[in-house]
Amino acid sequence: MQKIGGYDSYTVIVSGLMTNFCIDATVKSAFDRGYKVIIPKGCNSTSNNDYMDAETTYKYYNEMMWPQRFAECICIEDVFNS
């Protein structure tokens, strides 16, 4: 496992846009490399697609796909206390 930016931290906090593309790829890539992954609730989003609307996609990844598999999805206050 590589240090990120020279820091002695092996935890990645992920937020951003396109939950089902960029965020998902980053989460799984970090997990595969052995990093602890944290996703603050409400800190990623996406747009409607041909299969699901944005709200359903968000819930799918944040409530079903990532927790207990690839990442901890916790409230933003808990991110700063962990």
PDB file of N, CA and C in Angstrom:
ATOM      1  N   MET A   1       0.848  -1.175   0.000  1.00  0.00           N
ATOM      2  CA  MET A   1       0.000   0.000   0.000  1.00  0.00           C
ATOM      3  C   MET A   1       0.893   1.237   0.000  1.00  0.00           C
ATOM      4  N   GLN A   2       0.557   2.188  -0.816  1.00  0.00           N
ATOM      5  CA  GLN A   2       1.297   3.441  -0.915  1.00  0.00           C
ATOM      6  C   GLN A   2       0.704   4.502  -0.011  1.00  0.00           C
ATOM      7  N   LYS A   3       1.565   5.331   0.538  1.00  0.00           N
ATOM      8  CA  LYS A   3       1.084   6.497   1.259  1.00  0.00           C
ATOM      9  C   LYS A   3       0.519   7.479   0.246  1.00  0.00           C
ATOM     10  N   ILE A   4      -0.513   8.162   0.622  1.00  0.00           N
ATOM     11  CA  ILE A   4      -1.116   9.160  -0.258  1.00  0.00           C
ATOM     12  C   ILE A   4      -0.486  10.509   0.052  1.00  0.00           C
ATOM     13  N   GLY A   5       0.170  11.090  -0.918  1.00  0.00           N
ATOM     14  CA  GLY A   5       0.770  12.408  -0.739  1.00  0.00           C
ATOM     15  C   GLY A   5       1.813  12.466   0.362  1.00  0.00           C
ATOM     16  N   GLY A   6       2.404  11.322   0.710  1.00  0.00           N
ATOM     17  CA  GLY A   6       3.432  11.302   1.733  1.00  0.00           C
ATOM     18  C   GLY A   6       2.917  11.279   3.154  1.00  0.00           C
ATOM     19  N   TYR A   7       1.599  11.280   3.335  1.00  0.00           N
ATOM     20  CA  TYR A   7       1.019  11.267   4.675  1.00  0.00           C
ATOM     21  C   TYR A   7       0.998   9.849   5.235  1.00  0.00           C
ATOM     22  N   ASP A   8       1.048   9.727   6.556  1.00  0.00           N
ATOM     23  CA  ASP A   8       0.973   8.427   7.210  1.00  0.00           C
ATOM     24  C   ASP A   8      -0.465   7.998   7.446  1.00  0.00           C
ATOM     25  N   SER A   9      -1.316   8.254   6.511  1.00  0.00           N
ATOM     26  CA  SER A   9      -2.726   7.897   6.644  1.00  0.00           C
ATOM     27  C   SER A   9      -3.097   6.887   5.569  1.00  0.00           C
ATOM     28  N   TYR A  10      -3.848   5.915   5.968  1.00  0.00           N
ATOM     29  CA  TYR A  10      -4.297   4.898   5.027  1.00  0.00           C
ATOM     30  C   TYR A  10      -5.817   4.885   4.936  1.00  0.00           C
ATOM     31  N   THR A  11      -6.387   6.052   5.147  1.00  0.00           N
ATOM     32  CA  THR A  11      -7.824   6.247   5.050  1.00  0.00           C
ATOM     33  C   THR A  11      -8.107   7.230   3.927  1.00  0.00           C
ATOM     34  N   VAL A  12      -9.081   6.898   3.092  1.00  0.00           N
ATOM     35  CA  VAL A  12      -9.485   7.774   1.999  1.00  0.00           C
ATOM     36  C   VAL A  12     -10.925   8.198   2.254  1.00  0.00           C
ATOM     37  N   ILE A  13     -11.171   9.499   2.224  1.00  0.00           N
ATOM     38  CA  ILE A  13     -12.525  10.036   2.345  1.00  0.00           C
ATOM     39  C   ILE A  13     -12.936  10.494   0.953  1.00  0.00           C
ATOM     40  N   VAL A  14     -14.037   9.934   0.463  1.00  0.00           N
ATOM     41  CA  VAL A  14     -14.441  10.174  -0.919  1.00  0.00           C
ATOM     42  C   VAL A  14     -15.738  10.979  -0.967  1.00  0.00           C
ATOM     43  N   SER A  15     -15.737  12.018  -1.799  1.00  0.00           N
ATOM     44  CA  SER A  15     -16.948  12.785  -2.065  1.00  0.00           C
ATOM     45  C   SER A  15     -16.867  13.288  -3.497  1.00  0.00           C
ATOM     46  N   GLY A  16     -17.992  13.708  -4.052  1.00  0.00           N
ATOM     47  CA  GLY A  16     -17.954  14.245  -5.405  1.00  0.00           C
ATOM     48  C   GLY A  16     -19.207  13.969  -6.202  1.00  0.00           C
ATOM     49  N   LEU A  17     -19.046  14.029  -7.501  1.00  0.00           N
ATOM     50  CA  LEU A  17     -20.160  13.872  -8.435  1.00  0.00           C
ATOM     51  C   LEU A  17     -20.084  12.527  -9.155  1.00  0.00           C
ATOM     52  N   MET A  18     -21.170  12.161  -9.746  1.00  0.00           N
ATOM     53  CA  MET A  18     -21.310  10.924 -10.525  1.00  0.00           C
ATOM     54  C   MET A  18     -21.048   9.682  -9.664  1.00  0.00           C
ATOM     55  N   THR A  19     -21.915   9.508  -8.692  1.00  0.00           N
ATOM     56  CA  THR A  19     -21.860   8.391  -7.757  1.00  0.00           C
ATOM     57  C   THR A  19     -21.599   7.071  -8.465  1.00  0.00           C
ATOM     58  N   ASN A  20     -22.326   6.813  -9.539  1.00  0.00           N
ATOM     59  CA  ASN A  20     -22.269   5.521 -10.205  1.00  0.00           C
ATOM     60  C   ASN A  20     -21.093   5.371 -11.170  1.00  0.00           C
ATOM     61  N   PHE A  21     -20.281   6.374 -11.340  1.00  0.00           N
ATOM     62  CA  PHE A  21     -19.113   6.274 -12.213  1.00  0.00           C
ATOM     63  C   PHE A  21     -17.843   6.606 -11.426  1.00  0.00           C
ATOM     64  N   CYS A  22     -17.518   7.867 -11.326  1.00  0.00           N
ATOM     65  CA  CYS A  22     -16.257   8.303 -10.701  1.00  0.00           C
ATOM     66  C   CYS A  22     -16.151   7.883  -9.241  1.00  0.00           C
ATOM     67  N   ILE A  23     -17.194   8.124  -8.478  1.00  0.00           N
ATOM     68  CA  ILE A  23     -17.141   7.814  -7.047  1.00  0.00           C
ATOM     69  C   ILE A  23     -17.030   6.309  -6.841  1.00  0.00           C
ATOM     70  N   ASP A  24     -17.843   5.538  -7.528  1.00  0.00           N
ATOM     71  CA  ASP A  24     -17.795   4.083  -7.388  1.00  0.00           C
ATOM     72  C   ASP A  24     -16.422   3.533  -7.771  1.00  0.00           C
ATOM     73  N   ALA A  25     -15.857   4.007  -8.864  1.00  0.00           N
ATOM     74  CA  ALA A  25     -14.530   3.546  -9.292  1.00  0.00           C
ATOM     75  C   ALA A  25     -13.463   3.886  -8.258  1.00  0.00           C
ATOM     76  N   THR A  26     -13.532   5.075  -7.690  1.00  0.00           N
ATOM     77  CA  THR A  26     -12.562   5.492  -6.682  1.00  0.00           C
ATOM     78  C   THR A  26     -12.691   4.657  -5.419  1.00  0.00           C
ATOM     79  N   VAL A  27     -13.921   4.439  -4.980  1.00  0.00           N
ATOM     80  CA  VAL A  27     -14.168   3.640  -3.777  1.00  0.00           C
ATOM     81  C   VAL A  27     -13.609   2.232  -3.946  1.00  0.00           C
ATOM     82  N   LYS A  28     -13.934   1.589  -5.041  1.00  0.00           N
ATOM     83  CA  LYS A  28     -13.496   0.204  -5.248  1.00  0.00           C
ATOM     84  C   LYS A  28     -11.994   0.102  -5.481  1.00  0.00           C
ATOM     85  N   SER A  29     -11.423   1.075  -6.152  1.00  0.00           N
ATOM     86  CA  SER A  29      -9.978   1.085  -6.382  1.00  0.00           C
ATOM     87  C   SER A  29      -9.218   1.252  -5.065  1.00  0.00           C
ATOM     88  N   ALA A  30      -9.668   2.177  -4.236  1.00  0.00           N
ATOM     89  CA  ALA A  30      -9.030   2.385  -2.930  1.00  0.00           C
ATOM     90  C   ALA A  30      -9.175   1.137  -2.063  1.00  0.00           C
ATOM     91  N   PHE A  31     -10.350   0.549  -2.050  1.00  0.00           N
ATOM     92  CA  PHE A  31     -10.592  -0.672  -1.280  1.00  0.00           C
ATOM     93  C   PHE A  31      -9.665  -1.792  -1.746  1.00  0.00           C
ATOM     94  N   ASP A  32      -9.563  -1.978  -3.057  1.00  0.00           N
ATOM     95  CA  ASP A  32      -8.696  -3.023  -3.615  1.00  0.00           C
ATOM     96  C   ASP A  32      -7.235  -2.826  -3.247  1.00  0.00           C
ATOM     97  N   ARG A  33      -6.843  -1.594  -2.994  1.00  0.00           N
ATOM     98  CA  ARG A  33      -5.463  -1.292  -2.626  1.00  0.00           C
ATOM     99  C   ARG A  33      -5.237  -1.315  -1.113  1.00  0.00           C
ATOM    100  N   GLY A  34      -6.281  -1.662  -0.361  1.00  0.00           N
ATOM    101  CA  GLY A  34      -6.141  -1.834   1.073  1.00  0.00           C
ATOM    102  C   GLY A  34      -6.436  -0.625   1.930  1.00  0.00           C
ATOM    103  N   TYR A  35      -6.922   0.443   1.326  1.00  0.00           N
ATOM    104  CA  TYR A  35      -7.250   1.633   2.103  1.00  0.00           C
ATOM    105  C   TYR A  35      -8.592   1.473   2.807  1.00  0.00           C
ATOM    106  N   LYS A  36      -8.707   2.110   3.952  1.00  0.00           N
ATOM    107  CA  LYS A  36      -9.998   2.247   4.613  1.00  0.00           C
ATOM    108  C   LYS A  36     -10.718   3.369   3.878  1.00  0.00           C
ATOM    109  N   VAL A  37     -11.944   3.125   3.441  1.00  0.00           N
ATOM    110  CA  VAL A  37     -12.692   4.108   2.653  1.00  0.00           C
ATOM    111  C   VAL A  37     -13.881   4.614   3.458  1.00  0.00           C
ATOM    112  N   ILE A  38     -13.992   5.929   3.524  1.00  0.00           N
ATOM    113  CA  ILE A  38     -15.119   6.573   4.208  1.00  0.00           C
ATOM    114  C   ILE A  38     -15.839   7.455   3.206  1.00  0.00           C
ATOM    115  N   ILE A  39     -17.155   7.337   3.181  1.00  0.00           N
ATOM    116  CA  ILE A  39     -17.988   8.184   2.329  1.00  0.00           C
ATOM    117  C   ILE A  39     -18.954   8.937   3.231  1.00  0.00           C
ATOM    118  N   PRO A  40     -18.780  10.247   3.362  1.00  0.00           N
ATOM    119  CA  PRO A  40     -19.718  11.027   4.178  1.00  0.00           C
ATOM    120  C   PRO A  40     -21.105  11.051   3.511  1.00  0.00           C
ATOM    121  N   LYS A  41     -22.117  10.789   4.312  1.00  0.00           N
ATOM    122  CA  LYS A  41     -23.491  10.798   3.772  1.00  0.00           C
ATOM    123  C   LYS A  41     -23.837  12.175   3.221  1.00  0.00           C
ATOM    124  N   GLY A  42     -24.464  12.180   2.062  1.00  0.00           N
ATOM    125  CA  GLY A  42     -24.893  13.420   1.436  1.00  0.00           C
ATOM    126  C   GLY A  42     -23.794  14.154   0.697  1.00  0.00           C
ATOM    127  N   CYS A  43     -22.634  13.536   0.550  1.00  0.00           N
ATOM    128  CA  CYS A  43     -21.502  14.223  -0.080  1.00  0.00           C
ATOM    129  C   CYS A  43     -21.138  13.658  -1.444  1.00  0.00           C
ATOM    130  N   ASN A  44     -22.081  12.989  -2.082  1.00  0.00           N
ATOM    131  CA  ASN A  44     -21.911  12.587  -3.473  1.00  0.00           C
ATOM    132  C   ASN A  44     -23.266  12.641  -4.142  1.00  0.00           C
ATOM    133  N   SER A  45     -23.246  12.781  -5.437  1.00  0.00           N
ATOM    134  CA  SER A  45     -24.517  12.892  -6.167  1.00  0.00           C
ATOM    135  C   SER A  45     -24.335  12.371  -7.583  1.00  0.00           C
ATOM    136  N   THR A  46     -25.422  12.281  -8.287  1.00  0.00           N
ATOM    137  CA  THR A  46     -25.397  11.819  -9.667  1.00  0.00           C
ATOM    138  C   THR A  46     -26.588  12.404 -10.405  1.00  0.00           C
ATOM    139  N   SER A  47     -26.753  12.016 -11.635  1.00  0.00           N
ATOM    140  CA  SER A  47     -27.907  12.471 -12.412  1.00  0.00           C
ATOM    141  C   SER A  47     -28.735  11.263 -12.829  1.00  0.00           C
ATOM    142  N   ASN A  48     -29.924  11.518 -13.312  1.00  0.00           N
ATOM    143  CA  ASN A  48     -30.770  10.433 -13.799  1.00  0.00           C
ATOM    144  C   ASN A  48     -30.059   9.722 -14.944  1.00  0.00           C
ATOM    145  N   ASN A  49     -30.312   8.415 -15.066  1.00  0.00           N
ATOM    146  CA  ASN A  49     -29.780   7.666 -16.192  1.00  0.00           C
ATOM    147  C   ASN A  49     -30.885   6.811 -16.800  1.00  0.00           C
ATOM    148  N   ASP A  50     -30.570   6.012 -17.779  1.00  0.00           N
ATOM    149  CA  ASP A  50     -31.588   5.208 -18.464  1.00  0.00           C
ATOM    150  C   ASP A  50     -32.220   4.143 -17.579  1.00  0.00           C
ATOM    151  N   TYR A  51     -31.574   3.805 -16.457  1.00  0.00           N
ATOM    152  CA  TYR A  51     -32.042   2.699 -15.634  1.00  0.00           C
ATOM    153  C   TYR A  51     -32.638   3.129 -14.304  1.00  0.00           C
ATOM    154  N   MET A  52     -32.103   4.204 -13.719  1.00  0.00           N
ATOM    155  CA  MET A  52     -32.570   4.660 -12.407  1.00  0.00           C
ATOM    156  C   MET A  52     -32.510   6.176 -12.339  1.00  0.00           C
ATOM    157  N   ASP A  53     -33.409   6.744 -11.543  1.00  0.00           N
ATOM    158  CA  ASP A  53     -33.297   8.186 -11.313  1.00  0.00           C
ATOM    159  C   ASP A  53     -32.166   8.428 -10.319  1.00  0.00           C
ATOM    160  N   ALA A  54     -31.752   9.661 -10.182  1.00  0.00           N
ATOM    161  CA  ALA A  54     -30.601  10.014  -9.355  1.00  0.00           C
ATOM    162  C   ALA A  54     -30.786   9.596  -7.893  1.00  0.00           C
ATOM    163  N   GLU A  55     -31.962   9.805  -7.356  1.00  0.00           N
ATOM    164  CA  GLU A  55     -32.206   9.454  -5.953  1.00  0.00           C
ATOM    165  C   GLU A  55     -32.065   7.952  -5.717  1.00  0.00           C
ATOM    166  N   THR A  56     -32.618   7.150  -6.605  1.00  0.00           N
ATOM    167  CA  THR A  56     -32.515   5.695  -6.483  1.00  0.00           C
ATOM    168  C   THR A  56     -31.069   5.239  -6.625  1.00  0.00           C
ATOM    169  N   THR A  57     -30.344   5.833  -7.564  1.00  0.00           N
ATOM    170  CA  THR A  57     -28.937   5.491  -7.755  1.00  0.00           C
ATOM    171  C   THR A  57     -28.126   5.827  -6.508  1.00  0.00           C
ATOM    172  N   TYR A  58     -28.343   7.010  -5.950  1.00  0.00           N
ATOM    173  CA  TYR A  58     -27.651   7.414  -4.727  1.00  0.00           C
ATOM    174  C   TYR A  58     -27.912   6.400  -3.613  1.00  0.00           C
ATOM    175  N   LYS A  59     -29.177   6.074  -3.405  1.00  0.00           N
ATOM    176  CA  LYS A  59     -29.533   5.128  -2.338  1.00  0.00           C
ATOM    177  C   LYS A  59     -28.925   3.756  -2.588  1.00  0.00           C
ATOM    178  N   TYR A  60     -28.933   3.307  -3.821  1.00  0.00           N
ATOM    179  CA  TYR A  60     -28.377   1.993  -4.154  1.00  0.00           C
ATOM    180  C   TYR A  60     -26.908   1.898  -3.718  1.00  0.00           C
ATOM    181  N   TYR A  61     -26.116   2.877  -4.107  1.00  0.00           N
ATOM    182  CA  TYR A  61     -24.694   2.833  -3.766  1.00  0.00           C
ATOM    183  C   TYR A  61     -24.432   3.125  -2.294  1.00  0.00           C
ATOM    184  N   ASN A  62     -25.047   4.148  -1.751  1.00  0.00           N
ATOM    185  CA  ASN A  62     -24.765   4.581  -0.382  1.00  0.00           C
ATOM    186  C   ASN A  62     -25.401   3.715   0.696  1.00  0.00           C
ATOM    187  N   GLU A  63     -26.469   3.012   0.350  1.00  0.00           N
ATOM    188  CA  GLU A  63     -27.156   2.206   1.356  1.00  0.00           C
ATOM    189  C   GLU A  63     -27.025   0.704   1.119  1.00  0.00           C
ATOM    190  N   MET A  64     -26.721   0.301  -0.114  1.00  0.00           N
ATOM    191  CA  MET A  64     -26.680  -1.135  -0.408  1.00  0.00           C
ATOM    192  C   MET A  64     -25.328  -1.630  -0.938  1.00  0.00           C
ATOM    193  N   MET A  65     -24.738  -0.933  -1.873  1.00  0.00           N
ATOM    194  CA  MET A  65     -23.524  -1.417  -2.526  1.00  0.00           C
ATOM    195  C   MET A  65     -22.269  -1.263  -1.654  1.00  0.00           C
ATOM    196  N   TRP A  66     -22.024  -0.074  -1.131  1.00  0.00           N
ATOM    197  CA  TRP A  66     -20.761   0.184  -0.437  1.00  0.00           C
ATOM    198  C   TRP A  66     -20.707  -0.254   1.023  1.00  0.00           C
ATOM    199  N   PRO A  67     -21.731   0.015   1.831  1.00  0.00           N
ATOM    200  CA  PRO A  67     -21.619  -0.327   3.259  1.00  0.00           C
ATOM    201  C   PRO A  67     -21.404  -1.826   3.473  1.00  0.00           C
ATOM    202  N   GLN A  68     -20.544  -2.138   4.428  1.00  0.00           N
ATOM    203  CA  GLN A  68     -20.221  -3.510   4.821  1.00  0.00           C
ATOM    204  C   GLN A  68     -19.568  -4.310   3.696  1.00  0.00           C
ATOM    205  N   ARG A  69     -19.164  -3.634   2.630  1.00  0.00           N
ATOM    206  CA  ARG A  69     -18.403  -4.273   1.559  1.00  0.00           C
ATOM    207  C   ARG A  69     -17.122  -3.486   1.292  1.00  0.00           C
ATOM    208  N   PHE A  70     -17.320  -2.271   0.787  1.00  0.00           N
ATOM    209  CA  PHE A  70     -16.204  -1.472   0.307  1.00  0.00           C
ATOM    210  C   PHE A  70     -15.896  -0.239   1.157  1.00  0.00           C
ATOM    211  N   ALA A  71     -16.866   0.253   1.909  1.00  0.00           N
ATOM    212  CA  ALA A  71     -16.670   1.528   2.598  1.00  0.00           C
ATOM    213  C   ALA A  71     -17.607   1.689   3.779  1.00  0.00           C
ATOM    214  N   GLU A  72     -17.255   2.660   4.611  1.00  0.00           N
ATOM    215  CA  GLU A  72     -18.154   3.098   5.667  1.00  0.00           C
ATOM    216  C   GLU A  72     -18.872   4.337   5.154  1.00  0.00           C
ATOM    217  N   CYS A  73     -20.181   4.316   5.184  1.00  0.00           N
ATOM    218  CA  CYS A  73     -20.979   5.487   4.794  1.00  0.00           C
ATOM    219  C   CYS A  73     -21.537   6.068   6.096  1.00  0.00           C
ATOM    220  N   ILE A  74     -20.917   7.143   6.534  1.00  0.00           N
ATOM    221  CA  ILE A  74     -21.274   7.704   7.839  1.00  0.00           C
ATOM    222  C   ILE A  74     -21.579   9.186   7.708  1.00  0.00           C
ATOM    223  N   CYS A  75     -22.274   9.733   8.708  1.00  0.00           N
ATOM    224  CA  CYS A  75     -22.627  11.157   8.657  1.00  0.00           C
ATOM    225  C   CYS A  75     -21.365  12.000   8.765  1.00  0.00           C
ATOM    226  N   ILE A  76     -21.428  13.177   8.200  1.00  0.00           N
ATOM    227  CA  ILE A  76     -20.253  14.050   8.116  1.00  0.00           C
ATOM    228  C   ILE A  76     -19.662  14.381   9.478  1.00  0.00           C
ATOM    229  N   GLU A  77     -20.492  14.514  10.492  1.00  0.00           N
ATOM    230  CA  GLU A  77     -19.997  14.796  11.840  1.00  0.00           C
ATOM    231  C   GLU A  77     -19.115  13.657  12.345  1.00  0.00           C
ATOM    232  N   ASP A  78     -19.492  12.421  12.032  1.00  0.00           N
ATOM    233  CA  ASP A  78     -18.715  11.270  12.474  1.00  0.00           C
ATOM    234  C   ASP A  78     -17.385  11.156  11.723  1.00  0.00           C
ATOM    235  N   VAL A  79     -17.328  11.699  10.523  1.00  0.00           N
ATOM    236  CA  VAL A  79     -16.069  11.676   9.762  1.00  0.00           C
ATOM    237  C   VAL A  79     -14.983  12.417  10.542  1.00  0.00           C
ATOM    238  N   PHE A  80     -15.339  13.559  11.087  1.00  0.00           N
ATOM    239  CA  PHE A  80     -14.366  14.385  11.788  1.00  0.00           C
ATOM    240  C   PHE A  80     -14.064  13.866  13.186  1.00  0.00           C
ATOM    241  N   ASN A  81     -14.891  12.957  13.692  1.00  0.00           N
ATOM    242  CA  ASN A  81     -14.673  12.404  15.022  1.00  0.00           C
ATOM    243  C   ASN A  81     -14.021  11.028  14.964  1.00  0.00           C
ATOM    244  N   SER A  82     -13.776  10.517  13.736  1.00  0.00           N
ATOM    245  CA  SER A  82     -13.191   9.165  13.650  1.00  0.00           C
ATOM    246  C   SER A  82     -11.694   9.210  13.455  1.00  0.00           C
TER     247      SER A  82
END
